């Protein structure tokens, strides 16, 4: 998308809409539509009635077709809708782009959903906390105690500060809704088929690898923004602790990207994250991230959310400054 001040205004409105209202549950969400497309295409590319076991190569080819189709459809539709809206009327184009941008970002929803875990823990209802937690994490939650539930919620906020907030914001800044929804499509693909298990090991390989590629730069920008946020967000955070744990533990994850922001959050809060967890009934060994300078507590959930908002604000401010400079330089 050509950089211009309409794009800047739309981004600003979309950013504000996400913070104020989040995602209205009563309206169709583009990411849910992408999820339905993925499910429908998977049924076509991997028919359950087939009696023959498919070869790993065929599974990888089918998975690559799924990935390419979903990415092209998602980006293409977003581009067509945005361009069509601007051609009808610039003001209408700004409105449409702003709404599409709002749907890309998940800061408000991430805060609201994680705070449900905190609110339940605060009143001593572990069952309600685990029920709320199960809606935002992929791991098994049944056996978690209060500390485990808190740790899982903080990890989710920390990881999704990159995946759900800063990465889509950066892609929208650079390429508008079209590039933003290309990223969102890949991220959704990874969350649905990018598992290391018998069903998806080969079928989800293309999606998982592309997700790693698209998140490589944003996750490191997000980590840098979170470190800066830890210095300015108040006494609850340690900027130097964030730097120390980031430098030491940023690779303590199978994903090349997930521990980037998790390590910063762990260091900023002075807690230990990570460790073994159950997925689909199977114990998965995972390294720890951070030092247990103190016991993790439920109030670390809103602290992690605050760090996320500060980091998002930093990225938005710097990104908008870059857009303004580009618009002036190129006459957009």
C-alpha atoms as a PDB file:
ATOM      1  CA  UNK A   1       0.000   0.000   0.000  1.00  0.00           C
ATOM      2  CA  UNK A   2       1.299   3.452  -0.908  1.00  0.00           C
ATOM      3  CA  UNK A   3       2.209   5.382   2.200  1.00  0.00           C
ATOM      4  CA  UNK A   4      -0.088   8.346   2.657  1.00  0.00           C
ATOM      5  CA  UNK A   5      -1.831  10.278   5.369  1.00  0.00           C
ATOM      6  CA  UNK A   6      -5.113   8.399   4.848  1.00  0.00           C
ATOM      7  CA  UNK A   7      -3.259   5.251   5.862  1.00  0.00           C
ATOM      8  CA  UNK A   8      -1.840   7.065   8.894  1.00  0.00           C
ATOM      9  CA  UNK A   9      -5.278   8.270   9.999  1.00  0.00           C
ATOM     10  CA  UNK A  10      -6.820   4.830   9.500  1.00  0.00           C
ATOM     11  CA  UNK A  11      -4.068   3.185  11.537  1.00  0.00           C
ATOM     12  CA  UNK A  12      -4.547   5.644  14.358  1.00  0.00           C
ATOM     13  CA  UNK A  13      -8.306   5.055  14.453  1.00  0.00           C
ATOM     14  CA  UNK A  14      -7.900   1.274  14.220  1.00  0.00           C
ATOM     15  CA  UNK A  15      -5.329   1.286  17.015  1.00  0.00           C
ATOM     16  CA  UNK A  16      -7.653   3.353  19.227  1.00  0.00           C
ATOM     17  CA  UNK A  17     -10.682   1.183  18.415  1.00  0.00           C
ATOM     18  CA  UNK A  18      -8.859  -1.946  19.557  1.00  0.00           C
ATOM     19  CA  UNK A  19      -7.905  -0.315  22.859  1.00  0.00           C
ATOM     20  CA  UNK A  20     -11.408   1.054  23.467  1.00  0.00           C
ATOM     21  CA  UNK A  21     -13.772  -1.663  22.228  1.00  0.00           C
ATOM     22  CA  UNK A  22     -11.662  -4.653  21.196  1.00  0.00           C
ATOM     23  CA  UNK A  23     -13.448  -7.191  19.001  1.00  0.00           C
ATOM     24  CA  UNK A  24     -17.258  -6.986  19.137  1.00  0.00           C
ATOM     25  CA  UNK A  25     -18.499 -10.541  19.699  1.00  0.00           C
ATOM     26  CA  UNK A  26     -21.737  -9.910  17.839  1.00  0.00           C
ATOM     27  CA  UNK A  27     -20.003  -9.162  14.525  1.00  0.00           C
ATOM     28  CA  UNK A  28     -18.252 -11.596  12.160  1.00  0.00           C
ATOM     29  CA  UNK A  29     -14.510 -11.620  12.871  1.00  0.00           C
ATOM     30  CA  UNK A  30     -12.153 -11.933   9.882  1.00  0.00           C
ATOM     31  CA  UNK A  31      -9.834 -14.272  11.821  1.00  0.00           C
ATOM     32  CA  UNK A  32     -12.727 -16.605  12.585  1.00  0.00           C
ATOM     33  CA  UNK A  33     -13.577 -16.588   8.881  1.00  0.00           C
ATOM     34  CA  UNK A  34      -9.959 -17.468   8.115  1.00  0.00           C
ATOM     35  CA  UNK A  35     -10.256 -20.324  10.608  1.00  0.00           C
ATOM     36  CA  UNK A  36     -13.354 -21.640   8.867  1.00  0.00           C
ATOM     37  CA  UNK A  37     -11.571 -21.459   5.517  1.00  0.00           C
ATOM     38  CA  UNK A  38      -8.669 -23.462   6.939  1.00  0.00           C
ATOM     39  CA  UNK A  39     -11.012 -26.126   8.320  1.00  0.00           C
ATOM     40  CA  UNK A  40     -12.932 -26.376   5.046  1.00  0.00           C
ATOM     41  CA  UNK A  41      -9.786 -26.676   2.948  1.00  0.00           C
ATOM     42  CA  UNK A  42      -8.304 -29.258   5.310  1.00  0.00           C
ATOM     43  CA  UNK A  43     -11.366 -31.456   4.785  1.00  0.00           C
ATOM     44  CA  UNK A  44     -10.842 -31.217   1.026  1.00  0.00           C
ATOM     45  CA  UNK A  45      -7.084 -31.753   1.082  1.00  0.00           C
ATOM     46  CA  UNK A  46      -7.189 -34.527   3.708  1.00  0.00           C
ATOM     47  CA  UNK A  47     -10.409 -36.478   3.180  1.00  0.00           C
ATOM     48  CA  UNK A  48     -11.113 -38.655   6.213  1.00  0.00           C
ATOM     49  CA  UNK A  49     -12.717 -41.400   4.131  1.00  0.00           C
ATOM     50  CA  UNK A  50      -9.436 -42.218   2.426  1.00  0.00           C
ATOM     51  CA  UNK A  51      -8.357 -45.732   3.488  1.00  0.00           C
ATOM     52  CA  UNK A  52      -4.749 -45.301   2.420  1.00  0.00           C
ATOM     53  CA  UNK A  53      -2.187 -43.725   4.658  1.00  0.00           C
ATOM     54  CA  UNK A  54      -0.765 -40.726   2.856  1.00  0.00           C
ATOM     55  CA  UNK A  55       2.967 -40.417   2.422  1.00  0.00           C
ATOM     56  CA  UNK A  56       4.836 -37.668   4.301  1.00  0.00           C
ATOM     57  CA  UNK A  57       5.625 -36.004   0.974  1.00  0.00           C
ATOM     58  CA  UNK A  58       1.964 -35.890  -0.068  1.00  0.00           C
ATOM     59  CA  UNK A  59       1.048 -34.512   3.334  1.00  0.00           C
ATOM     60  CA  UNK A  60       3.643 -31.745   3.000  1.00  0.00           C
ATOM     61  CA  UNK A  61       2.437 -30.872  -0.504  1.00  0.00           C
ATOM     62  CA  UNK A  62      -1.176 -30.751   0.651  1.00  0.00           C
ATOM     63  CA  UNK A  63      -0.155 -28.578   3.605  1.00  0.00           C
ATOM     64  CA  UNK A  64       1.739 -26.215   1.322  1.00  0.00           C
ATOM     65  CA  UNK A  65      -1.320 -25.900  -0.927  1.00  0.00           C
ATOM     66  CA  UNK A  66      -3.454 -25.125   2.131  1.00  0.00           C
ATOM     67  CA  UNK A  67      -0.988 -22.492   3.321  1.00  0.00           C
ATOM     68  CA  UNK A  68      -0.649 -20.791  -0.069  1.00  0.00           C
ATOM     69  CA  UNK A  69      -4.407 -20.764  -0.692  1.00  0.00           C
ATOM     70  CA  UNK A  70      -5.329 -19.318   2.695  1.00  0.00           C
ATOM     71  CA  UNK A  71      -2.608 -16.664   2.505  1.00  0.00           C
ATOM     72  CA  UNK A  72      -3.563 -15.569  -1.022  1.00  0.00           C
ATOM     73  CA  UNK A  73      -7.295 -15.484  -0.277  1.00  0.00           C
ATOM     74  CA  UNK A  74      -6.866 -13.609   3.011  1.00  0.00           C
ATOM     75  CA  UNK A  75      -4.470 -10.999   1.649  1.00  0.00           C
ATOM     76  CA  UNK A  76      -6.343 -10.695  -1.633  1.00  0.00           C
ATOM     77  CA  UNK A  77      -9.731 -10.127  -0.024  1.00  0.00           C
ATOM     78  CA  UNK A  78      -8.296  -7.565   2.408  1.00  0.00           C
ATOM     79  CA  UNK A  79      -6.606  -5.729  -0.469  1.00  0.00           C
ATOM     80  CA  UNK A  80      -9.721  -5.762  -2.639  1.00  0.00           C
ATOM     81  CA  UNK A  81     -11.966  -4.512   0.171  1.00  0.00           C
ATOM     82  CA  UNK A  82      -9.546  -1.733   1.140  1.00  0.00           C
ATOM     83  CA  UNK A  83      -8.850  -0.531  -2.406  1.00  0.00           C
ATOM     84  CA  UNK A  84     -12.542  -0.726  -3.312  1.00  0.00           C
ATOM     85  CA  UNK A  85     -13.513   1.324  -0.265  1.00  0.00           C
ATOM     86  CA  UNK A  86     -10.973   4.052  -1.047  1.00  0.00           C
ATOM     87  CA  UNK A  87     -12.150   4.219  -4.671  1.00  0.00           C
ATOM     88  CA  UNK A  88     -15.713   4.784  -3.535  1.00  0.00           C
ATOM     89  CA  UNK A  89     -14.732   7.557  -1.145  1.00  0.00           C
ATOM     90  CA  UNK A  90     -11.526   8.417   0.782  1.00  0.00           C
ATOM     91  CA  UNK A  91     -13.415   8.865   4.058  1.00  0.00           C
ATOM     92  CA  UNK A  92     -15.135   5.505   3.590  1.00  0.00           C
ATOM     93  CA  UNK A  93     -11.748   3.987   2.801  1.00  0.00           C
ATOM     94  CA  UNK A  94     -10.304   5.324   6.049  1.00  0.00           C
ATOM     95  CA  UNK A  95     -13.250   3.878   7.977  1.00  0.00           C
ATOM     96  CA  UNK A  96     -12.940   0.436   6.353  1.00  0.00           C
ATOM     97  CA  UNK A  97      -9.171   0.315   6.803  1.00  0.00           C
ATOM     98  CA  UNK A  98      -9.543   1.394  10.432  1.00  0.00           C
ATOM     99  CA  UNK A  99     -12.030  -1.411  11.156  1.00  0.00           C
ATOM    100  CA  UNK A 100      -9.844  -3.989   9.402  1.00  0.00           C
ATOM    101  CA  UNK A 101      -6.852  -2.763  11.402  1.00  0.00           C
ATOM    102  CA  UNK A 102      -8.795  -2.987  14.644  1.00  0.00           C
ATOM    103  CA  UNK A 103      -9.628  -6.619  13.893  1.00  0.00           C
ATOM    104  CA  UNK A 104      -5.938  -7.328  13.296  1.00  0.00           C
ATOM    105  CA  UNK A 105      -4.952  -6.244  16.791  1.00  0.00           C
ATOM    106  CA  UNK A 106      -5.727  -8.233  19.923  1.00  0.00           C
ATOM    107  CA  UNK A 107      -4.390  -6.140  22.805  1.00  0.00           C
ATOM    108  CA  UNK A 108      -7.770  -5.383  24.390  1.00  0.00           C
ATOM    109  CA  UNK A 109      -9.037  -8.938  23.998  1.00  0.00           C
ATOM    110  CA  UNK A 110      -5.786 -10.418  25.319  1.00  0.00           C
ATOM    111  CA  UNK A 111      -6.043  -8.176  28.342  1.00  0.00           C
ATOM    112  CA  UNK A 112      -9.733  -8.947  28.923  1.00  0.00           C
ATOM    113  CA  UNK A 113      -9.351 -12.721  28.576  1.00  0.00           C
ATOM    114  CA  UNK A 114      -6.248 -12.964  30.759  1.00  0.00           C
ATOM    115  CA  UNK A 115      -7.834 -10.756  33.399  1.00  0.00           C
ATOM    116  CA  UNK A 116     -10.675 -13.265  33.690  1.00  0.00           C
ATOM    117  CA  UNK A 117      -8.052 -15.675  35.002  1.00  0.00           C
ATOM    118  CA  UNK A 118      -6.794 -13.024  37.420  1.00  0.00           C
ATOM    119  CA  UNK A 119     -10.284 -12.106  38.641  1.00  0.00           C
ATOM    120  CA  UNK A 120     -11.092 -15.754  39.340  1.00  0.00           C
ATOM    121  CA  UNK A 121      -7.813 -16.325  41.184  1.00  0.00           C
ATOM    122  CA  UNK A 122      -8.329 -13.170  43.202  1.00  0.00           C
ATOM    123  CA  UNK A 123     -11.543 -14.560  44.688  1.00  0.00           C
ATOM    124  CA  UNK A 124      -9.998 -18.005  45.190  1.00  0.00           C
ATOM    125  CA  UNK A 125     -11.910 -19.814  42.441  1.00  0.00           C
ATOM    126  CA  UNK A 126      -9.312 -22.023  40.772  1.00  0.00           C
ATOM    127  CA  UNK A 127     -11.957 -23.884  38.744  1.00  0.00           C
ATOM    128  CA  UNK A 128     -13.189 -20.649  37.159  1.00  0.00           C
ATOM    129  CA  UNK A 129      -9.610 -19.549  36.570  1.00  0.00           C
ATOM    130  CA  UNK A 130      -8.776 -22.789  34.760  1.00  0.00           C
ATOM    131  CA  UNK A 131     -11.942 -22.538  32.670  1.00  0.00           C
ATOM    132  CA  UNK A 132     -10.958 -19.018  31.608  1.00  0.00           C
ATOM    133  CA  UNK A 133      -7.361 -20.098  31.022  1.00  0.00           C
ATOM    134  CA  UNK A 134      -8.427 -22.961  28.755  1.00  0.00           C
ATOM    135  CA  UNK A 135      -9.851 -20.379  26.346  1.00  0.00           C
ATOM    136  CA  UNK A 136      -6.490 -18.699  25.725  1.00  0.00           C
ATOM    137  CA  UNK A 137      -3.861 -21.451  25.959  1.00  0.00           C
ATOM    138  CA  UNK A 138      -3.195 -24.639  24.007  1.00  0.00           C
ATOM    139  CA  UNK A 139      -1.905 -26.711  26.929  1.00  0.00           C
ATOM    140  CA  UNK A 140      -3.895 -28.959  29.241  1.00  0.00           C
ATOM    141  CA  UNK A 141      -4.957 -26.974  32.303  1.00  0.00           C
ATOM    142  CA  UNK A 142      -6.767 -29.511  34.490  1.00  0.00           C
ATOM    143  CA  UNK A 143      -3.790 -30.303  36.741  1.00  0.00           C
ATOM    144  CA  UNK A 144      -2.560 -26.730  37.269  1.00  0.00           C
ATOM    145  CA  UNK A 145      -2.520 -25.107  40.689  1.00  0.00           C
ATOM    146  CA  UNK A 146      -2.774 -21.350  41.306  1.00  0.00           C
ATOM    147  CA  UNK A 147       0.883 -20.715  40.487  1.00  0.00           C
ATOM    148  CA  UNK A 148       0.683 -22.857  37.361  1.00  0.00           C
ATOM    149  CA  UNK A 149      -2.441 -21.067  36.140  1.00  0.00           C
ATOM    150  CA  UNK A 150      -0.828 -17.692  36.781  1.00  0.00           C
ATOM    151  CA  UNK A 151       2.357 -18.715  35.008  1.00  0.00           C
ATOM    152  CA  UNK A 152       0.423 -19.965  31.966  1.00  0.00           C
ATOM    153  CA  UNK A 153      -1.564 -16.715  31.752  1.00  0.00           C
ATOM    154  CA  UNK A 154       1.567 -14.555  32.026  1.00  0.00           C
ATOM    155  CA  UNK A 155       3.326 -16.662  29.370  1.00  0.00           C
ATOM    156  CA  UNK A 156       0.343 -16.261  27.043  1.00  0.00           C
ATOM    157  CA  UNK A 157       0.305 -12.484  27.455  1.00  0.00           C
ATOM    158  CA  UNK A 158       4.076 -12.311  26.952  1.00  0.00           C
ATOM    159  CA  UNK A 159       4.124 -14.495  23.831  1.00  0.00           C
ATOM    160  CA  UNK A 160       1.067 -12.879  22.281  1.00  0.00           C
ATOM    161  CA  UNK A 161       2.456  -9.405  22.849  1.00  0.00           C
ATOM    162  CA  UNK A 162       4.435 -10.266  19.733  1.00  0.00           C
ATOM    163  CA  UNK A 163       2.099 -12.655  17.844  1.00  0.00           C
ATOM    164  CA  UNK A 164      -1.207 -10.977  18.557  1.00  0.00           C
ATOM    165  CA  UNK A 165      -0.307  -7.329  18.998  1.00  0.00           C
ATOM    166  CA  UNK A 166       3.022  -6.008  17.773  1.00  0.00           C
ATOM    167  CA  UNK A 167       3.601  -8.273  14.763  1.00  0.00           C
ATOM    168  CA  UNK A 168       0.215  -7.523  13.118  1.00  0.00           C
ATOM    169  CA  UNK A 169       0.664  -3.844  13.991  1.00  0.00           C
ATOM    170  CA  UNK A 170       4.048  -3.755  12.247  1.00  0.00           C
ATOM    171  CA  UNK A 171       2.761  -5.539   9.158  1.00  0.00           C
ATOM    172  CA  UNK A 172      -0.241  -3.199   8.993  1.00  0.00           C
ATOM    173  CA  UNK A 173       2.070  -0.207   9.337  1.00  0.00           C
ATOM    174  CA  UNK A 174       4.193  -1.393   6.416  1.00  0.00           C
ATOM    175  CA  UNK A 175       1.566  -2.846   4.093  1.00  0.00           C
ATOM    176  CA  UNK A 176      -1.889  -1.935   5.333  1.00  0.00           C
ATOM    177  CA  UNK A 177      -4.652  -4.517   5.875  1.00  0.00           C
ATOM    178  CA  UNK A 178      -3.475  -6.667   2.945  1.00  0.00           C
ATOM    179  CA  UNK A 179      -0.107  -7.458   4.504  1.00  0.00           C
ATOM    180  CA  UNK A 180      -1.653  -7.507   7.958  1.00  0.00           C
ATOM    181  CA  UNK A 181      -4.078 -10.255   6.959  1.00  0.00           C
ATOM    182  CA  UNK A 182      -1.353 -12.208   5.176  1.00  0.00           C
ATOM    183  CA  UNK A 183       0.395 -12.317   8.538  1.00  0.00           C
ATOM    184  CA  UNK A 184      -2.821 -13.096  10.410  1.00  0.00           C
ATOM    185  CA  UNK A 185      -3.593 -15.941   8.010  1.00  0.00           C
ATOM    186  CA  UNK A 186      -0.190 -17.518   8.593  1.00  0.00           C
ATOM    187  CA  UNK A 187      -0.487 -17.060  12.351  1.00  0.00           C
ATOM    188  CA  UNK A 188      -3.927 -18.692  12.331  1.00  0.00           C
ATOM    189  CA  UNK A 189      -2.654 -21.542  10.173  1.00  0.00           C
ATOM    190  CA  UNK A 190       0.153 -22.173  12.638  1.00  0.00           C
ATOM    191  CA  UNK A 191      -2.259 -22.198  15.586  1.00  0.00           C
ATOM    192  CA  UNK A 192      -4.545 -24.705  13.844  1.00  0.00           C
ATOM    193  CA  UNK A 193      -2.221 -27.059  11.932  1.00  0.00           C
ATOM    194  CA  UNK A 194       1.312 -26.179  13.039  1.00  0.00           C
ATOM    195  CA  UNK A 195       1.580 -28.901  15.698  1.00  0.00           C
ATOM    196  CA  UNK A 196       4.372 -31.428  16.176  1.00  0.00           C
ATOM    197  CA  UNK A 197       2.129 -34.463  16.410  1.00  0.00           C
ATOM    198  CA  UNK A 198       1.203 -37.424  14.232  1.00  0.00           C
ATOM    199  CA  UNK A 199      -1.657 -35.624  12.518  1.00  0.00           C
ATOM    200  CA  UNK A 200       0.057 -32.357  11.641  1.00  0.00           C
ATOM    201  CA  UNK A 201       3.816 -33.023  11.671  1.00  0.00           C
ATOM    202  CA  UNK A 202       3.978 -33.024   7.856  1.00  0.00           C
ATOM    203  CA  UNK A 203       0.699 -31.362   6.899  1.00  0.00           C
ATOM    204  CA  UNK A 204       1.430 -28.295   9.028  1.00  0.00           C
ATOM    205  CA  UNK A 205       5.123 -27.978   8.223  1.00  0.00           C
ATOM    206  CA  UNK A 206       4.759 -25.214   5.609  1.00  0.00           C
ATOM    207  CA  UNK A 207       2.504 -23.163   7.871  1.00  0.00           C
ATOM    208  CA  UNK A 208       4.761 -23.572  10.906  1.00  0.00           C
ATOM    209  CA  UNK A 209       7.907 -22.624   9.005  1.00  0.00           C
ATOM    210  CA  UNK A 210       6.318 -19.610   7.346  1.00  0.00           C
ATOM    211  CA  UNK A 211       5.033 -18.465  10.739  1.00  0.00           C
ATOM    212  CA  UNK A 212       8.594 -18.684  12.101  1.00  0.00           C
ATOM    213  CA  UNK A 213       9.866 -16.596   9.187  1.00  0.00           C
ATOM    214  CA  UNK A 214       7.194 -13.892   9.456  1.00  0.00           C
ATOM    215  CA  UNK A 215       7.633 -13.611  13.223  1.00  0.00           C
ATOM    216  CA  UNK A 216      11.438 -13.516  13.266  1.00  0.00           C
ATOM    217  CA  UNK A 217      11.845  -9.731  12.962  1.00  0.00           C
ATOM    218  CA  UNK A 218       8.628  -8.671  14.780  1.00  0.00           C
ATOM    219  CA  UNK A 219       9.394 -10.859  17.813  1.00  0.00           C
ATOM    220  CA  UNK A 220      12.756  -9.171  18.245  1.00  0.00           C
ATOM    221  CA  UNK A 221      11.283  -5.707  17.777  1.00  0.00           C
ATOM    222  CA  UNK A 222       8.618  -6.635  20.335  1.00  0.00           C
ATOM    223  CA  UNK A 223      11.304  -7.793  22.768  1.00  0.00           C
ATOM    224  CA  UNK A 224      13.203  -4.522  22.353  1.00  0.00           C
ATOM    225  CA  UNK A 225      10.016  -2.523  22.904  1.00  0.00           C
ATOM    226  CA  UNK A 226       9.213  -4.546  26.039  1.00  0.00           C
ATOM    227  CA  UNK A 227      12.701  -3.923  27.412  1.00  0.00           C
ATOM    228  CA  UNK A 228      12.242  -0.196  26.910  1.00  0.00           C
ATOM    229  CA  UNK A 229       8.780  -0.468  28.465  1.00  0.00           C
ATOM    230  CA  UNK A 230      10.263  -2.177  31.530  1.00  0.00           C
ATOM    231  CA  UNK A 231      12.447   0.881  32.130  1.00  0.00           C
ATOM    232  CA  UNK A 232       9.584   3.370  31.948  1.00  0.00           C
ATOM    233  CA  UNK A 233       6.543   1.469  33.256  1.00  0.00           C
ATOM    234  CA  UNK A 234       7.277   1.873  36.959  1.00  0.00           C
ATOM    235  CA  UNK A 235       8.562   0.090  40.047  1.00  0.00           C
ATOM    236  CA  UNK A 236       6.899  -3.223  39.255  1.00  0.00           C
ATOM    237  CA  UNK A 237       9.440  -3.866  36.495  1.00  0.00           C
ATOM    238  CA  UNK A 238      13.192  -4.257  36.179  1.00  0.00           C
ATOM    239  CA  UNK A 239      14.641  -3.035  32.911  1.00  0.00           C
ATOM    240  CA  UNK A 240      18.073  -4.445  33.697  1.00  0.00           C
ATOM    241  CA  UNK A 241      16.486  -7.741  34.711  1.00  0.00           C
ATOM    242  CA  UNK A 242      14.656  -7.807  31.387  1.00  0.00           C
ATOM    243  CA  UNK A 243      17.921  -7.307  29.501  1.00  0.00           C
ATOM    244  CA  UNK A 244      19.779  -9.942  31.525  1.00  0.00           C
ATOM    245  CA  UNK A 245      17.196 -12.688  31.103  1.00  0.00           C
ATOM    246  CA  UNK A 246      16.596 -11.774  27.465  1.00  0.00           C
ATOM    247  CA  UNK A 247      20.284 -12.194  26.642  1.00  0.00           C
ATOM    248  CA  UNK A 248      20.450 -15.480  28.537  1.00  0.00           C
ATOM    249  CA  UNK A 249      17.111 -17.203  27.861  1.00  0.00           C
ATOM    250  CA  UNK A 250      15.777 -15.800  24.569  1.00  0.00           C
ATOM    251  CA  UNK A 251      16.497 -19.130  22.844  1.00  0.00           C
ATOM    252  CA  UNK A 252      14.902 -21.342  25.523  1.00  0.00           C
ATOM    253  CA  UNK A 253      12.061 -22.514  23.311  1.00  0.00           C
ATOM    254  CA  UNK A 254      11.605 -24.832  20.347  1.00  0.00           C
ATOM    255  CA  UNK A 255      10.298 -21.851  18.413  1.00  0.00           C
ATOM    256  CA  UNK A 256      12.988 -19.344  17.424  1.00  0.00           C
ATOM    257  CA  UNK A 257      10.609 -16.528  18.359  1.00  0.00           C
ATOM    258  CA  UNK A 258       8.428 -17.381  21.369  1.00  0.00           C
ATOM    259  CA  UNK A 259      11.075 -16.965  24.071  1.00  0.00           C
ATOM    260  CA  UNK A 260      12.082 -13.516  22.823  1.00  0.00           C
ATOM    261  CA  UNK A 261       9.225 -11.733  24.578  1.00  0.00           C
ATOM    262  CA  UNK A 262       8.721 -14.375  27.269  1.00  0.00           C
ATOM    263  CA  UNK A 263      12.304 -13.914  28.438  1.00  0.00           C
ATOM    264  CA  UNK A 264      11.881 -10.132  28.637  1.00  0.00           C
ATOM    265  CA  UNK A 265       8.656 -10.484  30.620  1.00  0.00           C
ATOM    266  CA  UNK A 266      10.197 -13.015  33.001  1.00  0.00           C
ATOM    267  CA  UNK A 267      13.203 -10.778  33.622  1.00  0.00           C
ATOM    268  CA  UNK A 268      11.124  -7.628  33.981  1.00  0.00           C
ATOM    269  CA  UNK A 269       8.865  -9.276  36.585  1.00  0.00           C
ATOM    270  CA  UNK A 270      11.596 -11.278  38.321  1.00  0.00           C
ATOM    271  CA  UNK A 271       9.760 -14.602  37.933  1.00  0.00           C
ATOM    272  CA  UNK A 272      10.373 -17.943  36.269  1.00  0.00           C
ATOM    273  CA  UNK A 273       8.257 -18.912  33.274  1.00  0.00           C
ATOM    274  CA  UNK A 274       8.306 -21.943  30.995  1.00  0.00           C
ATOM    275  CA  UNK A 275       8.966 -25.467  32.198  1.00  0.00           C
ATOM    276  CA  UNK A 276       7.288 -28.780  31.407  1.00  0.00           C
ATOM    277  CA  UNK A 277       3.635 -28.757  30.389  1.00  0.00           C
ATOM    278  CA  UNK A 278       0.979 -31.206  29.250  1.00  0.00           C
ATOM    279  CA  UNK A 279      -0.413 -31.016  25.708  1.00  0.00           C
ATOM    280  CA  UNK A 280      -3.199 -33.380  24.613  1.00  0.00           C
ATOM    281  CA  UNK A 281      -2.453 -35.591  27.613  1.00  0.00           C
ATOM    282  CA  UNK A 282       1.270 -35.865  26.883  1.00  0.00           C
ATOM    283  CA  UNK A 283       3.980 -34.293  29.031  1.00  0.00           C
ATOM    284  CA  UNK A 284       6.238 -32.058  26.947  1.00  0.00           C
ATOM    285  CA  UNK A 285       9.636 -31.158  28.376  1.00  0.00           C
ATOM    286  CA  UNK A 286      10.326 -27.436  28.043  1.00  0.00           C
ATOM    287  CA  UNK A 287      13.203 -25.367  29.436  1.00  0.00           C
ATOM    288  CA  UNK A 288      12.525 -22.716  32.026  1.00  0.00           C
ATOM    289  CA  UNK A 289      12.812 -19.006  31.298  1.00  0.00           C
ATOM    290  CA  UNK A 290      13.921 -16.517  33.935  1.00  0.00           C
ATOM    291  CA  UNK A 291      14.926 -16.781  37.580  1.00  0.00           C
ATOM    292  CA  UNK A 292      12.523 -17.333  40.457  1.00  0.00           C
ATOM    293  CA  UNK A 293      13.581 -14.247  42.389  1.00  0.00           C
ATOM    294  CA  UNK A 294      10.156 -14.508  44.026  1.00  0.00           C
ATOM    295  CA  UNK A 295       7.040 -16.647  43.769  1.00  0.00           C
ATOM    296  CA  UNK A 296       4.791 -15.801  40.869  1.00  0.00           C
ATOM    297  CA  UNK A 297       1.504 -14.248  42.023  1.00  0.00           C
ATOM    298  CA  UNK A 298      -1.871 -13.583  40.343  1.00  0.00           C
ATOM    299  CA  UNK A 299      -1.182  -9.837  40.190  1.00  0.00           C
ATOM    300  CA  UNK A 300       1.632 -10.606  37.751  1.00  0.00           C
ATOM    301  CA  UNK A 301      -1.093 -11.107  35.130  1.00  0.00           C
ATOM    302  CA  UNK A 302      -2.167  -7.425  35.055  1.00  0.00           C
ATOM    303  CA  UNK A 303       1.513  -6.474  35.298  1.00  0.00           C
ATOM    304  CA  UNK A 304       2.238  -8.476  32.138  1.00  0.00           C
ATOM    305  CA  UNK A 305      -0.738  -6.792  30.431  1.00  0.00           C
ATOM    306  CA  UNK A 306       0.555  -3.355  31.388  1.00  0.00           C
ATOM    307  CA  UNK A 307       3.958  -4.207  29.942  1.00  0.00           C
ATOM    308  CA  UNK A 308       2.221  -5.291  26.734  1.00  0.00           C
ATOM    309  CA  UNK A 309       0.337  -1.996  26.408  1.00  0.00           C
ATOM    310  CA  UNK A 310       3.484   0.044  27.001  1.00  0.00           C
ATOM    311  CA  UNK A 311       5.367  -1.971  24.362  1.00  0.00           C
ATOM    312  CA  UNK A 312       2.524  -1.623  21.868  1.00  0.00           C
ATOM    313  CA  UNK A 313       2.423   2.137  22.464  1.00  0.00           C
ATOM    314  CA  UNK A 314       6.158   2.416  21.886  1.00  0.00           C
ATOM    315  CA  UNK A 315       5.942   0.510  18.594  1.00  0.00           C
ATOM    316  CA  UNK A 316       2.931   2.532  17.477  1.00  0.00           C
ATOM    317  CA  UNK A 317       4.613   5.860  18.253  1.00  0.00           C
ATOM    318  CA  UNK A 318       7.845   4.945  16.486  1.00  0.00           C
ATOM    319  CA  UNK A 319       5.998   3.400  13.557  1.00  0.00           C
ATOM    320  CA  UNK A 320       3.768   6.414  13.073  1.00  0.00           C
ATOM    321  CA  UNK A 321       6.783   8.713  13.240  1.00  0.00           C
ATOM    322  CA  UNK A 322       8.345   6.639  10.483  1.00  0.00           C
ATOM    323  CA  UNK A 323       5.170   6.829   8.404  1.00  0.00           C
ATOM    324  CA  UNK A 324       4.981  10.602   8.765  1.00  0.00           C
ATOM    325  CA  UNK A 325       8.616  10.927   7.710  1.00  0.00           C
ATOM    326  CA  UNK A 326       8.016   8.639   4.729  1.00  0.00           C
ATOM    327  CA  UNK A 327       4.893  10.547   3.676  1.00  0.00           C
ATOM    328  CA  UNK A 328       6.792  13.842   3.787  1.00  0.00           C
ATOM    329  CA  UNK A 329       9.787  12.400   1.968  1.00  0.00           C
ATOM    330  CA  UNK A 330       7.764  10.833  -0.854  1.00  0.00           C
ATOM    331  CA  UNK A 331       4.892  13.315  -0.958  1.00  0.00           C
ATOM    332  CA  UNK A 332       2.259  10.749   0.120  1.00  0.00           C
END
